[in-house]
């Protein structure tokens, strides 16, 4: 790529402020303040910890129905206990049959999906292979990274 091509590309991709009124000190609750998300449904993978938990609690506080798929449903239910508009469903993103089962169950309820937030990831896990022999770390990377594209 020539210097001119790079220069032209940088001109087209210059970042400019959105003038949204939000900045680096804005928290999630401030972003949804005044929004009514009732009737909207979100699925948030990895929603029982870290950033996922914040996403779930924020969307639910604005009235959205939030489904949190989890491998360990008991743990997710314990963590999310008391947050209105949140439900937990069984899903192992490393198991294709579990994914199909989750999708069928969600679709059978007839609600539309407003947001799919792919937040789940696998970090620093020991070597483990799924029932197809695929290394869990690699598939975890694929689930958490490639699904966002």
N, C-alpha and C. Protein backbone atom coordinates (compact mmCIF):
# COMPACT_ATOMS: atom_id res chain seq x y z
N UNK A 1 0.85 -1.17 0.00
CA UNK A 1 0.00 0.00 0.00
C UNK A 1 0.90 1.24 0.00
N UNK A 2 0.59 2.16 -0.85
CA UNK A 2 1.42 3.35 -0.97
C UNK A 2 1.09 4.36 0.14
N UNK A 3 2.01 5.31 0.31
CA UNK A 3 1.79 6.38 1.29
C UNK A 3 0.49 7.11 0.98
N UNK A 4 0.24 7.41 -0.29
CA UNK A 4 -0.97 8.14 -0.66
C UNK A 4 -2.23 7.36 -0.31
N UNK A 5 -2.21 6.04 -0.53
CA UNK A 5 -3.37 5.22 -0.18
C UNK A 5 -3.61 5.24 1.33
N UNK A 6 -2.54 5.13 2.10
CA UNK A 6 -2.67 5.17 3.55
C UNK A 6 -3.19 6.54 3.99
N UNK A 7 -2.67 7.60 3.42
CA UNK A 7 -3.10 8.96 3.77
C UNK A 7 -4.59 9.15 3.45
N UNK A 8 -5.02 8.67 2.29
CA UNK A 8 -6.43 8.80 1.91
C UNK A 8 -7.29 8.00 2.88
N UNK A 9 -6.87 6.77 3.21
CA UNK A 9 -7.65 5.95 4.14
C UNK A 9 -7.75 6.62 5.50
N UNK A 10 -6.66 7.24 5.96
CA UNK A 10 -6.71 7.88 7.27
C UNK A 10 -7.63 9.09 7.25
N UNK A 11 -7.76 9.74 6.12
CA UNK A 11 -8.68 10.87 6.01
C UNK A 11 -10.13 10.41 6.14
N UNK A 12 -10.43 9.23 5.59
CA UNK A 12 -11.79 8.71 5.65
C UNK A 12 -12.13 8.11 7.00
N UNK A 13 -11.13 7.71 7.75
CA UNK A 13 -11.39 7.04 9.02
C UNK A 13 -11.03 7.89 10.23
N UNK A 14 -10.90 9.19 10.03
CA UNK A 14 -10.61 10.06 11.17
C UNK A 14 -11.71 9.94 12.21
N UNK A 15 -11.30 9.83 13.44
CA UNK A 15 -12.27 9.76 14.52
C UNK A 15 -12.63 11.16 14.97
N UNK A 16 -13.91 11.37 15.10
CA UNK A 16 -14.41 12.66 15.57
C UNK A 16 -15.41 12.41 16.68
N UNK A 17 -15.50 13.29 17.64
CA UNK A 17 -16.47 13.11 18.71
C UNK A 17 -17.90 13.06 18.16
N UNK A 18 -18.72 12.24 18.77
CA UNK A 18 -20.11 12.10 18.34
C UNK A 18 -21.01 13.20 18.89
N UNK A 19 -20.54 13.96 19.81
CA UNK A 19 -21.36 14.99 20.46
C UNK A 19 -22.58 14.37 21.13
N UNK A 20 -22.38 13.21 21.74
CA UNK A 20 -23.47 12.49 22.38
C UNK A 20 -23.77 13.00 23.79
N UNK A 21 -22.84 13.74 24.34
CA UNK A 21 -23.00 14.16 25.73
C UNK A 21 -22.39 13.17 26.70
N UNK A 22 -21.93 12.03 26.21
CA UNK A 22 -21.31 11.02 27.05
C UNK A 22 -19.81 11.07 26.85
N UNK A 23 -19.08 10.69 27.88
CA UNK A 23 -17.63 10.70 27.78
C UNK A 23 -17.03 9.57 28.59
N UNK A 24 -15.72 9.65 28.80
CA UNK A 24 -15.02 8.57 29.49
C UNK A 24 -15.44 8.40 30.94
N UNK A 25 -16.07 9.39 31.53
CA UNK A 25 -16.51 9.29 32.92
C UNK A 25 -17.98 8.88 33.03
N UNK A 26 -18.66 8.70 31.91
CA UNK A 26 -20.07 8.32 31.92
C UNK A 26 -20.20 6.86 32.30
N UNK A 27 -21.13 6.56 33.21
CA UNK A 27 -21.36 5.16 33.55
C UNK A 27 -22.58 4.63 32.81
N UNK A 28 -22.76 3.32 32.84
CA UNK A 28 -23.81 2.67 32.07
C UNK A 28 -25.21 3.15 32.47
N UNK A 29 -25.43 3.35 33.74
CA UNK A 29 -26.76 3.80 34.21
C UNK A 29 -27.09 5.19 33.67
N UNK A 30 -26.08 6.03 33.54
CA UNK A 30 -26.31 7.37 32.97
C UNK A 30 -26.70 7.28 31.50
N UNK A 31 -26.15 6.30 30.80
CA UNK A 31 -26.45 6.15 29.37
C UNK A 31 -27.91 5.75 29.17
N UNK A 32 -28.45 4.88 30.01
CA UNK A 32 -29.83 4.42 29.83
C UNK A 32 -30.85 5.25 30.60
N UNK A 33 -30.40 6.23 31.36
CA UNK A 33 -31.33 7.06 32.13
C UNK A 33 -32.37 7.68 31.19
N UNK A 34 -33.63 7.49 31.55
CA UNK A 34 -34.71 8.05 30.74
C UNK A 34 -35.15 7.16 29.59
N UNK A 35 -34.45 6.07 29.32
CA UNK A 35 -34.86 5.16 28.26
C UNK A 35 -35.86 4.15 28.79
N UNK A 36 -36.85 3.82 27.98
CA UNK A 36 -37.80 2.78 28.33
C UNK A 36 -37.57 1.62 27.38
N UNK A 37 -36.94 0.57 27.87
CA UNK A 37 -36.63 -0.59 27.04
C UNK A 37 -37.63 -1.72 27.23
N UNK A 38 -38.78 -1.41 27.86
CA UNK A 38 -39.81 -2.43 28.05
C UNK A 38 -40.22 -3.00 26.70
N UNK A 39 -40.38 -4.32 26.66
CA UNK A 39 -40.77 -4.98 25.43
C UNK A 39 -39.59 -5.37 24.55
N UNK A 40 -38.40 -4.94 24.91
CA UNK A 40 -37.18 -5.31 24.18
C UNK A 40 -36.53 -6.49 24.89
N UNK A 41 -35.92 -7.37 24.11
CA UNK A 41 -35.26 -8.54 24.68
C UNK A 41 -33.81 -8.57 24.24
N UNK A 42 -32.93 -8.86 25.20
CA UNK A 42 -31.50 -9.00 24.93
C UNK A 42 -31.05 -10.37 25.42
N UNK A 43 -30.12 -10.96 24.69
CA UNK A 43 -29.41 -12.15 25.15
C UNK A 43 -27.98 -11.69 25.40
N UNK A 44 -27.48 -11.93 26.61
CA UNK A 44 -26.13 -11.50 26.97
C UNK A 44 -25.34 -12.72 27.44
N UNK A 45 -24.44 -13.21 26.59
CA UNK A 45 -23.59 -14.32 27.02
C UNK A 45 -22.54 -13.77 27.99
N UNK A 46 -22.15 -14.58 28.94
CA UNK A 46 -21.19 -14.12 29.95
C UNK A 46 -21.81 -13.08 30.87
N UNK A 47 -23.12 -13.13 31.02
CA UNK A 47 -23.83 -12.09 31.76
C UNK A 47 -23.84 -12.23 33.27
N UNK A 48 -23.18 -13.24 33.80
CA UNK A 48 -23.21 -13.40 35.25
C UNK A 48 -21.91 -12.96 35.93
N UNK A 49 -21.04 -12.31 35.18
CA UNK A 49 -19.81 -11.80 35.81
C UNK A 49 -19.25 -10.63 35.00
N UNK A 50 -18.43 -9.83 35.66
CA UNK A 50 -17.68 -8.77 35.01
C UNK A 50 -18.53 -7.79 34.22
N UNK A 51 -18.03 -7.45 33.05
CA UNK A 51 -18.71 -6.51 32.17
C UNK A 51 -20.09 -7.02 31.78
N UNK A 52 -20.21 -8.32 31.57
CA UNK A 52 -21.51 -8.90 31.22
C UNK A 52 -22.55 -8.65 32.28
N UNK A 53 -22.16 -8.79 33.55
CA UNK A 53 -23.09 -8.52 34.64
C UNK A 53 -23.55 -7.07 34.61
N UNK A 54 -22.64 -6.15 34.35
CA UNK A 54 -22.99 -4.73 34.28
C UNK A 54 -23.96 -4.47 33.13
N UNK A 55 -23.73 -5.11 32.00
CA UNK A 55 -24.62 -4.96 30.84
C UNK A 55 -26.01 -5.47 31.20
N UNK A 56 -26.08 -6.66 31.79
CA UNK A 56 -27.36 -7.26 32.16
C UNK A 56 -28.11 -6.36 33.13
N UNK A 57 -27.46 -5.96 34.21
CA UNK A 57 -28.17 -5.16 35.22
C UNK A 57 -28.59 -3.80 34.67
N UNK A 58 -27.80 -3.23 33.78
CA UNK A 58 -28.15 -1.93 33.21
C UNK A 58 -29.34 -2.04 32.27
N UNK A 59 -29.30 -3.00 31.36
CA UNK A 59 -30.44 -3.18 30.44
C UNK A 59 -31.72 -3.50 31.20
N UNK A 60 -31.61 -4.38 32.20
CA UNK A 60 -32.79 -4.75 32.99
C UNK A 60 -33.32 -3.56 33.77
N UNK A 61 -32.43 -2.69 34.26
CA UNK A 61 -32.89 -1.52 35.02
C UNK A 61 -33.68 -0.56 34.15
N UNK A 62 -33.46 -0.62 32.84
CA UNK A 62 -34.19 0.24 31.91
C UNK A 62 -35.44 -0.47 31.36
N UNK A 63 -35.73 -1.66 31.88
CA UNK A 63 -36.95 -2.35 31.52
C UNK A 63 -36.82 -3.46 30.50
N UNK A 64 -35.65 -3.69 29.95
CA UNK A 64 -35.47 -4.76 28.96
C UNK A 64 -35.58 -6.12 29.64
N UNK A 65 -36.08 -7.09 28.90
CA UNK A 65 -36.04 -8.48 29.34
C UNK A 65 -34.69 -9.02 28.90
N UNK A 66 -33.94 -9.59 29.83
CA UNK A 66 -32.60 -10.05 29.52
C UNK A 66 -32.48 -11.54 29.80
N UNK A 67 -32.03 -12.27 28.79
CA UNK A 67 -31.78 -13.70 28.93
C UNK A 67 -30.28 -13.89 29.05
N UNK A 68 -29.87 -14.59 30.11
CA UNK A 68 -28.45 -14.86 30.34
C UNK A 68 -28.22 -16.36 30.17
N UNK A 69 -27.65 -16.75 29.04
CA UNK A 69 -27.31 -18.15 28.87
C UNK A 69 -26.06 -18.48 29.67
N UNK A 70 -26.03 -19.68 30.26
CA UNK A 70 -24.88 -20.03 31.10
C UNK A 70 -24.67 -21.54 31.12
N UNK A 71 -23.40 -21.94 31.19
CA UNK A 71 -23.08 -23.36 31.40
C UNK A 71 -23.51 -23.77 32.80
N UNK A 72 -23.17 -22.93 33.76
CA UNK A 72 -23.50 -23.21 35.16
C UNK A 72 -24.71 -22.36 35.54
N UNK A 73 -25.90 -22.89 35.28
CA UNK A 73 -27.12 -22.10 35.51
C UNK A 73 -27.34 -21.80 36.99
N UNK A 74 -26.97 -22.72 37.87
CA UNK A 74 -27.16 -22.49 39.31
C UNK A 74 -26.34 -21.29 39.76
N UNK A 75 -25.11 -21.20 39.30
CA UNK A 75 -24.26 -20.07 39.67
C UNK A 75 -24.82 -18.77 39.09
N UNK A 76 -25.22 -18.79 37.83
CA UNK A 76 -25.76 -17.59 37.20
C UNK A 76 -27.03 -17.12 37.91
N UNK A 77 -27.90 -18.06 38.27
CA UNK A 77 -29.12 -17.69 38.98
C UNK A 77 -28.81 -17.08 40.34
N UNK A 78 -27.81 -17.63 41.02
CA UNK A 78 -27.42 -17.09 42.33
C UNK A 78 -26.90 -15.67 42.20
N UNK A 79 -26.05 -15.44 41.20
CA UNK A 79 -25.46 -14.11 40.99
C UNK A 79 -26.51 -13.08 40.57
N UNK A 80 -27.46 -13.50 39.76
CA UNK A 80 -28.44 -12.57 39.19
C UNK A 80 -29.73 -12.48 40.00
N UNK A 81 -29.79 -13.21 41.10
CA UNK A 81 -30.97 -13.22 41.96
C UNK A 81 -31.36 -11.80 42.37
N UNK A 82 -32.62 -11.48 42.22
CA UNK A 82 -33.12 -10.18 42.65
C UNK A 82 -33.11 -9.11 41.57
N UNK A 83 -32.51 -9.39 40.43
CA UNK A 83 -32.54 -8.42 39.34
C UNK A 83 -33.79 -8.71 38.51
N UNK A 84 -34.71 -7.77 38.47
CA UNK A 84 -35.96 -7.95 37.74
C UNK A 84 -35.69 -8.04 36.23
N UNK A 85 -36.57 -8.73 35.54
CA UNK A 85 -36.54 -8.85 34.07
C UNK A 85 -35.39 -9.71 33.56
N UNK A 86 -34.78 -10.52 34.42
CA UNK A 86 -33.64 -11.35 34.00
C UNK A 86 -33.99 -12.82 34.17
N UNK A 87 -33.69 -13.61 33.15
CA UNK A 87 -33.86 -15.06 33.24
C UNK A 87 -32.57 -15.73 32.79
N UNK A 88 -32.36 -16.92 33.31
CA UNK A 88 -31.16 -17.70 32.99
C UNK A 88 -31.58 -18.93 32.21
N UNK A 89 -30.80 -19.27 31.20
CA UNK A 89 -31.09 -20.44 30.38
C UNK A 89 -29.80 -21.24 30.19
N UNK A 90 -29.94 -22.54 30.06
CA UNK A 90 -28.77 -23.41 29.88
C UNK A 90 -28.20 -23.24 28.47
N UNK A 91 -26.89 -23.04 28.41
CA UNK A 91 -26.19 -22.96 27.13
C UNK A 91 -24.70 -23.18 27.34
N UNK A 92 -24.16 -24.14 26.61
CA UNK A 92 -22.72 -24.35 26.57
C UNK A 92 -22.29 -24.01 25.15
N UNK A 93 -21.62 -22.88 24.98
CA UNK A 93 -21.22 -22.41 23.66
C UNK A 93 -20.22 -23.32 22.97
N UNK A 94 -19.67 -24.29 23.70
CA UNK A 94 -18.74 -25.23 23.10
C UNK A 94 -19.43 -26.51 22.65
N UNK A 95 -20.72 -26.57 22.83
CA UNK A 95 -21.47 -27.78 22.48
C UNK A 95 -22.56 -27.43 21.47
N UNK A 96 -22.39 -27.83 20.20
CA UNK A 96 -23.36 -27.48 19.16
C UNK A 96 -24.79 -27.89 19.49
N UNK A 97 -24.98 -29.04 20.14
CA UNK A 97 -26.35 -29.47 20.47
C UNK A 97 -26.95 -28.55 21.54
N UNK A 98 -26.13 -28.06 22.45
CA UNK A 98 -26.61 -27.11 23.46
C UNK A 98 -27.01 -25.79 22.81
N UNK A 99 -26.23 -25.36 21.83
CA UNK A 99 -26.56 -24.12 21.11
C UNK A 99 -27.88 -24.28 20.39
N UNK A 100 -28.07 -25.41 19.71
CA UNK A 100 -29.33 -25.64 19.00
C UNK A 100 -30.50 -25.70 19.96
N UNK A 101 -30.31 -26.35 21.09
CA UNK A 101 -31.38 -26.45 22.08
C UNK A 101 -31.76 -25.06 22.62
N UNK A 102 -30.74 -24.25 22.94
CA UNK A 102 -31.00 -22.90 23.43
C UNK A 102 -31.77 -22.10 22.38
N UNK A 103 -31.32 -22.16 21.14
CA UNK A 103 -31.95 -21.39 20.06
C UNK A 103 -33.40 -21.83 19.86
N UNK A 104 -33.63 -23.12 19.84
CA UNK A 104 -35.00 -23.62 19.68
C UNK A 104 -35.90 -23.15 20.82
N UNK A 105 -35.38 -23.23 22.03
CA UNK A 105 -36.16 -22.81 23.20
C UNK A 105 -36.49 -21.32 23.13
N UNK A 106 -35.49 -20.50 22.77
CA UNK A 106 -35.72 -19.06 22.68
C UNK A 106 -36.75 -18.75 21.59
N UNK A 107 -36.58 -19.35 20.42
CA UNK A 107 -37.49 -19.10 19.30
C UNK A 107 -38.91 -19.57 19.59
N UNK A 108 -39.05 -20.63 20.37
CA UNK A 108 -40.38 -21.17 20.68
C UNK A 108 -41.20 -20.20 21.53
N UNK A 109 -40.54 -19.28 22.19
CA UNK A 109 -41.25 -18.31 23.04
C UNK A 109 -41.87 -17.18 22.22
N UNK A 110 -41.47 -17.06 20.95
CA UNK A 110 -42.10 -16.09 20.06
C UNK A 110 -41.73 -14.64 20.29
N UNK A 111 -40.74 -14.37 21.11
CA UNK A 111 -40.36 -12.97 21.31
C UNK A 111 -39.25 -12.60 20.33
N UNK A 112 -39.24 -11.33 19.96
CA UNK A 112 -38.19 -10.89 19.03
C UNK A 112 -36.95 -10.51 19.82
N UNK A 113 -35.82 -10.58 19.17
CA UNK A 113 -34.55 -10.27 19.81
C UNK A 113 -34.09 -8.90 19.36
N UNK A 114 -33.90 -8.00 20.31
CA UNK A 114 -33.41 -6.66 20.00
C UNK A 114 -31.89 -6.63 19.97
N UNK A 115 -31.26 -7.33 20.94
CA UNK A 115 -29.79 -7.30 21.03
C UNK A 115 -29.25 -8.67 21.38
N UNK A 116 -28.21 -9.08 20.66
CA UNK A 116 -27.42 -10.26 21.02
C UNK A 116 -26.04 -9.73 21.37
N UNK A 117 -25.69 -9.84 22.64
CA UNK A 117 -24.41 -9.31 23.10
C UNK A 117 -23.52 -10.50 23.44
N UNK A 118 -22.55 -10.74 22.56
CA UNK A 118 -21.64 -11.88 22.69
C UNK A 118 -20.47 -11.49 23.59
N UNK A 119 -20.66 -11.69 24.87
CA UNK A 119 -19.68 -11.26 25.85
C UNK A 119 -18.89 -12.41 26.46
N UNK A 120 -19.32 -13.65 26.22
CA UNK A 120 -18.66 -14.80 26.86
C UNK A 120 -17.27 -15.01 26.28
N UNK A 121 -16.40 -15.50 27.12
CA UNK A 121 -15.04 -15.81 26.68
C UNK A 121 -14.39 -16.80 27.63
N UNK A 122 -13.34 -17.42 27.16
CA UNK A 122 -12.60 -18.37 27.97
C UNK A 122 -11.20 -17.81 28.13
N UNK A 123 -10.76 -17.65 29.37
CA UNK A 123 -9.42 -17.11 29.63
C UNK A 123 -8.64 -18.04 30.54
N UNK A 124 -7.39 -18.25 30.23
CA UNK A 124 -6.45 -18.98 31.07
C UNK A 124 -7.00 -20.34 31.50
N UNK A 125 -7.71 -20.98 30.60
CA UNK A 125 -8.27 -22.29 30.92
C UNK A 125 -7.25 -23.39 30.62
N UNK A 126 -7.25 -24.47 31.40
CA UNK A 126 -6.35 -25.59 31.09
C UNK A 126 -6.81 -26.26 29.80
N UNK A 127 -5.94 -27.07 29.23
CA UNK A 127 -6.28 -27.77 28.00
C UNK A 127 -7.49 -28.66 28.23
N UNK A 128 -8.48 -28.50 27.39
CA UNK A 128 -9.69 -29.31 27.44
C UNK A 128 -10.22 -29.41 26.02
N UNK A 129 -10.73 -30.57 25.68
CA UNK A 129 -11.31 -30.75 24.35
C UNK A 129 -12.80 -31.06 24.49
N UNK A 130 -13.59 -30.49 23.55
CA UNK A 130 -15.02 -30.78 23.58
C UNK A 130 -15.27 -32.16 23.00
N UNK A 131 -16.55 -32.55 22.90
CA UNK A 131 -16.88 -33.91 22.44
C UNK A 131 -16.53 -34.16 20.98
N UNK A 132 -16.12 -33.10 20.25
CA UNK A 132 -15.67 -33.27 18.87
C UNK A 132 -14.15 -33.29 18.78
N UNK A 133 -13.48 -33.08 19.92
CA UNK A 133 -12.03 -33.05 19.93
C UNK A 133 -11.44 -31.68 19.69
N UNK A 134 -12.28 -30.65 19.62
CA UNK A 134 -11.81 -29.29 19.39
C UNK A 134 -11.31 -28.71 20.71
N UNK A 135 -10.14 -28.09 20.67
CA UNK A 135 -9.55 -27.51 21.86
C UNK A 135 -10.43 -26.37 22.36
N UNK A 136 -10.77 -26.40 23.63
CA UNK A 136 -11.69 -25.44 24.21
C UNK A 136 -11.18 -24.01 24.10
N UNK A 137 -9.90 -23.77 24.36
CA UNK A 137 -9.37 -22.40 24.27
C UNK A 137 -9.57 -21.82 22.89
N UNK A 138 -9.25 -22.62 21.88
CA UNK A 138 -9.37 -22.11 20.51
C UNK A 138 -10.81 -21.85 20.16
N UNK A 139 -11.70 -22.77 20.52
CA UNK A 139 -13.10 -22.56 20.23
C UNK A 139 -13.65 -21.41 21.06
N UNK A 140 -13.17 -21.29 22.29
CA UNK A 140 -13.59 -20.16 23.12
C UNK A 140 -13.22 -18.84 22.49
N UNK A 141 -12.01 -18.77 21.91
CA UNK A 141 -11.61 -17.56 21.20
C UNK A 141 -12.55 -17.31 20.03
N UNK A 142 -12.88 -18.37 19.31
CA UNK A 142 -13.75 -18.23 18.14
C UNK A 142 -15.13 -17.74 18.57
N UNK A 143 -15.64 -18.30 19.66
CA UNK A 143 -16.96 -17.90 20.15
C UNK A 143 -16.95 -16.44 20.59
N UNK A 144 -15.94 -16.05 21.35
CA UNK A 144 -15.95 -14.70 21.91
C UNK A 144 -15.49 -13.64 20.94
N UNK A 145 -14.70 -14.01 19.95
CA UNK A 145 -14.15 -13.01 19.03
C UNK A 145 -14.87 -13.00 17.69
N UNK A 146 -14.93 -14.15 17.06
CA UNK A 146 -15.46 -14.20 15.69
C UNK A 146 -16.96 -13.98 15.64
N UNK A 147 -17.68 -14.37 16.69
CA UNK A 147 -19.13 -14.21 16.67
C UNK A 147 -19.54 -12.74 16.67
N UNK A 148 -18.63 -11.87 17.04
CA UNK A 148 -18.95 -10.44 17.09
C UNK A 148 -18.89 -9.77 15.73
N UNK A 149 -18.30 -10.45 14.75
CA UNK A 149 -18.12 -9.82 13.44
C UNK A 149 -19.38 -9.85 12.61
